[in-house]
Amino acid sequence: MTTDTEEPTLTIDELAARAGLTVRTVRFYGTKGLLPPPVIGPRRVGHYGPGHLARLALIEELQHQGMTLAAIERYLRQLPPDLSARDLAVHRAVVSSWAPDTSERLSRAELERRSGRPLTEDDLDRLAAMNVVERDGDAFRVDAGLLRLGVELLDVPFSQETILAARTALIEHSRAAARELSSLLRDAVAERDTRDVKSLSAHMHPLVVQALLTTFQRSLRQELQEWLTPEEG
């Protein structure tokens, strides 16, 4: 799995496969200015990196939300130009949180196309254990909102047990935070009209999600820095 510090090494064909798109679609996004140009290497071959892949994922998520290309262009222009792949992933997480839970029935070929890679039986078992896919006869029920994350986790060098334990911890703590925030907001708007409460809830949802993601990302960065930085004797 690539990281932000690695040199762009994906050809356009490899980028399209990883993103679950066609080369034609990737080129189209490039001509529209939605995707930064590649790094030109030997023999004038363009190379793409994690930032391009993350931006494609964000573009696709915005399209799934029903945004037009013109609206997506405006959205992307508002983002800082030097966002890392991880920063773009946070933006995508915020956008995907607006969508209702979605489940699609896909053939194995379509599932692999959406995943951007071939999937072994072991890969499918791991995705099933993460509740990303469920076998349905000769096809699969797929949680579209979790598919890209699940596929990325296939390359993480942790055991399946560790990933599932982490997933359980995230669910338990996020539900606890959601309950506490919900209680605070209910108390704050207890005297308001029901329509006002619904309008406020719809407005607050993306803001609360972004706040939670940002604070968690910073807290995790601090924890990792403390873990990875040797203590001074």
Protein backbone atom coordinates (compact mmCIF):
# COMPACT_ATOMS: atom_id res chain seq x y z
CA MET A 1 0.00 0.00 0.00
CA THR A 2 1.38 3.40 -0.92
CA THR A 3 1.85 6.26 1.51
CA ASP A 4 1.95 10.02 1.16
CA THR A 5 5.74 10.03 1.27
CA GLU A 6 6.20 7.63 -1.64
CA GLU A 7 6.91 8.81 -5.17
CA PRO A 8 4.01 8.57 -7.64
CA THR A 9 4.39 5.15 -9.22
CA LEU A 10 0.99 4.30 -10.71
CA THR A 11 0.39 4.46 -14.43
CA ILE A 12 -2.98 5.74 -15.54
CA ASP A 13 -4.13 2.16 -16.14
CA GLU A 14 -3.08 1.15 -12.62
CA LEU A 15 -4.67 4.26 -11.13
CA ALA A 16 -7.96 3.58 -12.90
CA ALA A 17 -7.94 -0.05 -11.74
CA ARG A 18 -7.22 0.93 -8.12
CA ALA A 19 -10.01 3.54 -8.23
CA GLY A 20 -12.48 1.16 -9.86
CA LEU A 21 -12.88 3.50 -12.85
CA THR A 22 -12.13 3.41 -16.54
CA VAL A 23 -9.06 5.11 -18.00
CA ARG A 24 -11.41 7.24 -20.07
CA THR A 25 -13.10 8.53 -16.90
CA VAL A 26 -9.76 9.34 -15.26
CA ARG A 27 -8.63 11.24 -18.36
CA PHE A 28 -11.95 13.11 -18.42
CA TYR A 29 -11.51 14.21 -14.80
CA GLY A 30 -8.02 15.39 -15.70
CA THR A 31 -9.22 17.48 -18.64
CA LYS A 32 -11.89 19.06 -16.42
CA GLY A 33 -9.24 20.08 -13.90
CA LEU A 34 -10.65 17.83 -11.18
CA LEU A 35 -7.46 15.77 -11.01
CA PRO A 36 -3.95 17.24 -10.77
CA PRO A 37 -1.62 16.39 -13.67
CA PRO A 38 0.65 13.38 -13.24
CA VAL A 39 4.38 13.49 -12.65
CA ILE A 40 6.05 12.91 -16.01
CA GLY A 41 8.74 10.26 -15.84
CA PRO A 42 11.04 8.55 -18.34
CA ARG A 43 9.65 8.05 -21.84
CA ARG A 44 7.06 10.75 -21.07
CA VAL A 45 4.97 8.32 -19.03
CA GLY A 46 2.70 9.97 -16.46
CA HIS A 47 2.83 8.63 -12.91
CA TYR A 48 0.19 9.05 -10.23
CA GLY A 49 0.30 8.70 -6.45
CA PRO A 50 -1.86 8.37 -3.32
CA GLY A 51 -3.13 11.94 -3.62
CA HIS A 52 -4.60 11.25 -7.06
CA LEU A 53 -6.26 8.07 -5.79
CA ALA A 54 -7.72 9.85 -2.75
CA ARG A 55 -9.00 12.71 -4.91
CA LEU A 56 -10.70 10.26 -7.27
CA ALA A 57 -12.39 8.62 -4.27
CA LEU A 58 -13.63 12.03 -3.11
CA ILE A 59 -14.91 12.91 -6.60
CA GLU A 60 -16.79 9.62 -6.84
CA GLU A 61 -18.30 10.15 -3.37
CA LEU A 62 -19.47 13.64 -4.32
CA GLN A 63 -21.06 12.21 -7.45
CA HIS A 64 -22.82 9.53 -5.39
CA GLN A 65 -24.30 12.39 -3.34
CA GLY A 66 -25.84 13.74 -6.55
CA MET A 67 -23.50 16.69 -7.11
CA THR A 68 -23.00 17.87 -10.68
CA LEU A 69 -19.51 18.18 -12.15
CA ALA A 70 -19.79 21.96 -11.93
CA ALA A 71 -20.63 21.70 -8.21
CA ILE A 72 -17.76 19.26 -7.69
CA GLU A 73 -15.38 21.69 -9.42
CA ARG A 74 -16.49 24.46 -7.04
CA TYR A 75 -16.11 22.15 -4.04
CA LEU A 76 -12.59 21.09 -5.00
CA ARG A 77 -11.49 24.66 -5.74
CA GLN A 78 -12.28 25.56 -2.13
CA LEU A 79 -9.87 22.93 -0.79
CA PRO A 80 -6.24 23.84 -0.05
CA PRO A 81 -4.03 22.73 -2.97
CA ASP A 82 -1.53 20.87 -0.78
CA LEU A 83 -3.93 18.49 0.97
CA SER A 84 -2.44 15.06 1.60
CA ALA A 85 -4.16 11.79 0.70
CA ARG A 86 -5.09 11.41 4.38
CA ASP A 87 -6.64 14.89 4.46
CA LEU A 88 -8.66 14.09 1.34
CA ALA A 89 -9.81 10.85 2.97
CA VAL A 90 -11.14 12.88 5.92
CA HIS A 91 -13.10 15.11 3.52
CA ARG A 92 -14.51 12.02 1.83
CA ALA A 93 -15.52 10.57 5.20
CA VAL A 94 -17.43 13.76 6.01
CA VAL A 95 -19.18 13.70 2.62
CA SER A 96 -20.07 10.00 2.83
CA SER A 97 -21.56 10.53 6.29
CA TRP A 98 -24.36 12.57 4.71
CA ALA A 99 -25.57 9.56 2.75
CA PRO A 100 -28.03 7.00 4.10
CA ASP A 101 -26.84 3.43 4.59
CA THR A 102 -26.71 1.79 1.18
CA SER A 103 -26.50 -1.86 0.22
CA GLU A 104 -26.07 -3.10 -3.33
CA ARG A 105 -26.17 -6.57 -4.84
CA LEU A 106 -23.11 -7.00 -7.05
CA SER A 107 -21.63 -9.82 -9.07
CA ARG A 108 -18.09 -10.82 -8.22
CA ALA A 109 -16.83 -9.17 -11.42
CA GLU A 110 -18.58 -5.90 -10.56
CA LEU A 111 -17.38 -6.10 -6.95
CA GLU A 112 -13.80 -6.47 -8.16
CA ARG A 113 -14.25 -3.58 -10.59
CA ARG A 114 -15.54 -1.36 -7.78
CA SER A 115 -12.66 -2.53 -5.57
CA GLY A 116 -10.11 -1.75 -8.26
CA ARG A 117 -8.38 -5.11 -7.82
CA PRO A 118 -8.91 -8.88 -8.03
CA LEU A 119 -10.22 -10.36 -4.78
CA THR A 120 -9.09 -13.74 -3.47
CA GLU A 121 -11.33 -15.98 -1.37
CA ASP A 122 -9.33 -14.85 1.68
CA ASP A 123 -9.98 -11.20 0.74
CA LEU A 124 -13.71 -11.91 0.49
CA ASP A 125 -13.71 -13.66 3.86
CA ARG A 126 -11.98 -10.66 5.47
CA LEU A 127 -14.42 -8.22 3.88
CA ALA A 128 -17.30 -10.39 5.12
CA ALA A 129 -15.82 -10.42 8.64
CA MET A 130 -15.73 -6.60 8.53
CA ASN A 131 -19.41 -6.56 7.47
CA VAL A 132 -18.47 -4.91 4.18
CA VAL A 133 -19.81 -7.74 2.01
CA GLU A 134 -22.21 -10.61 2.53
CA ARG A 135 -22.45 -13.59 0.21
CA ASP A 136 -25.83 -13.79 -1.50
CA GLY A 137 -25.92 -16.89 -3.69
CA ASP A 138 -23.52 -16.32 -6.58
CA ALA A 139 -23.40 -12.56 -5.84
CA PHE A 140 -22.62 -10.28 -2.89
CA ARG A 141 -24.53 -7.76 -0.80
CA VAL A 142 -22.13 -4.82 -0.48
CA ASP A 143 -22.10 -1.87 1.92
CA ALA A 144 -21.17 0.76 -0.67
CA GLY A 145 -20.13 3.28 1.97
CA LEU A 146 -17.58 0.92 3.53
CA LEU A 147 -16.26 -0.85 0.44
CA ARG A 148 -13.30 1.41 -0.32
CA LEU A 149 -12.23 1.47 3.33
CA GLY A 150 -12.55 -2.30 3.58
CA VAL A 151 -10.43 -2.84 0.47
CA GLU A 152 -7.72 -0.52 1.82
CA LEU A 153 -7.70 -2.46 5.09
CA LEU A 154 -6.89 -5.63 3.15
CA ASP A 155 -3.36 -4.25 2.71
CA VAL A 156 -2.88 -3.22 6.34
CA PRO A 157 -0.25 -5.51 7.96
CA PHE A 158 -2.43 -6.40 10.94
CA SER A 159 -4.24 -9.61 11.70
CA GLN A 160 -7.95 -9.86 11.04
CA GLU A 161 -8.53 -10.14 14.79
CA THR A 162 -6.74 -6.82 15.41
CA ILE A 163 -8.75 -5.04 12.71
CA LEU A 164 -12.04 -6.41 14.07
CA ALA A 165 -11.09 -5.42 17.63
CA ALA A 166 -10.25 -1.91 16.40
CA ARG A 167 -13.58 -1.75 14.56
CA THR A 168 -15.44 -2.77 17.72
CA ALA A 169 -13.62 -0.13 19.78
CA LEU A 170 -14.41 2.58 17.22
CA ILE A 171 -18.09 1.64 17.09
CA GLU A 172 -18.48 1.53 20.87
CA HIS A 173 -16.74 4.86 21.48
CA SER A 174 -18.40 6.64 18.55
CA ARG A 175 -21.84 5.53 19.74
CA ALA A 176 -21.06 6.76 23.24
CA ALA A 177 -19.95 10.15 21.84
CA ALA A 178 -23.04 10.30 19.62
CA ARG A 179 -25.34 9.62 22.58
CA GLU A 180 -23.71 12.32 24.69
CA LEU A 181 -23.75 14.89 21.89
CA SER A 182 -27.35 14.03 21.05
CA SER A 183 -28.33 14.53 24.68
CA LEU A 184 -26.59 17.92 24.82
CA LEU A 185 -28.27 19.07 21.60
CA ARG A 186 -31.70 17.85 22.75
CA ASP A 187 -31.38 19.83 25.96
CA ALA A 188 -30.26 22.91 24.04
CA VAL A 189 -33.30 22.90 21.71
CA ALA A 190 -35.90 21.45 24.08
CA GLU A 191 -38.11 24.55 23.86
CA ARG A 192 -37.93 24.97 20.09
CA ASP A 193 -40.53 24.04 17.50
CA THR A 194 -40.22 20.52 16.01
CA ARG A 195 -39.56 21.88 12.51
CA ASP A 196 -36.80 24.12 13.84
CA VAL A 197 -35.22 21.14 15.59
CA LYS A 198 -35.21 19.08 12.38
CA SER A 199 -33.72 21.96 10.41
CA LEU A 200 -31.04 22.53 13.04
CA SER A 201 -30.24 18.81 13.15
CA ALA A 202 -29.76 18.66 9.38
CA HIS A 203 -27.49 21.71 9.54
CA MET A 204 -25.46 20.43 12.50
CA HIS A 205 -24.94 16.88 11.24
CA PRO A 206 -22.03 17.53 8.82
CA LEU A 207 -20.49 20.04 11.24
CA VAL A 208 -20.52 17.58 14.13
CA VAL A 209 -19.13 14.79 11.95
CA GLN A 210 -16.30 17.00 10.72
CA ALA A 211 -15.54 18.12 14.28
CA LEU A 212 -15.41 14.52 15.48
CA LEU A 213 -13.18 13.45 12.61
CA THR A 214 -10.82 16.38 13.07
CA THR A 215 -10.49 15.99 16.83
CA PHE A 216 -10.05 12.24 16.54
CA GLN A 217 -7.43 12.62 13.81
CA ARG A 218 -5.44 15.06 15.95
CA SER A 219 -5.78 12.91 19.07
CA LEU A 220 -4.63 9.83 17.17
CA ARG A 221 -1.66 11.75 15.73
CA GLN A 222 -0.64 12.81 19.24
CA GLU A 223 -0.95 9.26 20.57
CA LEU A 224 1.15 7.89 17.72
CA GLN A 225 3.80 10.57 18.19
CA GLU A 226 4.07 9.71 21.88
CA TRP A 227 4.27 6.02 21.04
CA LEU A 228 6.86 6.39 18.28
CA THR A 229 9.01 9.04 19.97
CA PRO A 230 11.56 7.43 22.34
CA GLU A 231 11.39 8.69 25.89
CA GLU A 232 14.35 10.75 26.94
CA GLY A 233 16.28 9.15 29.80
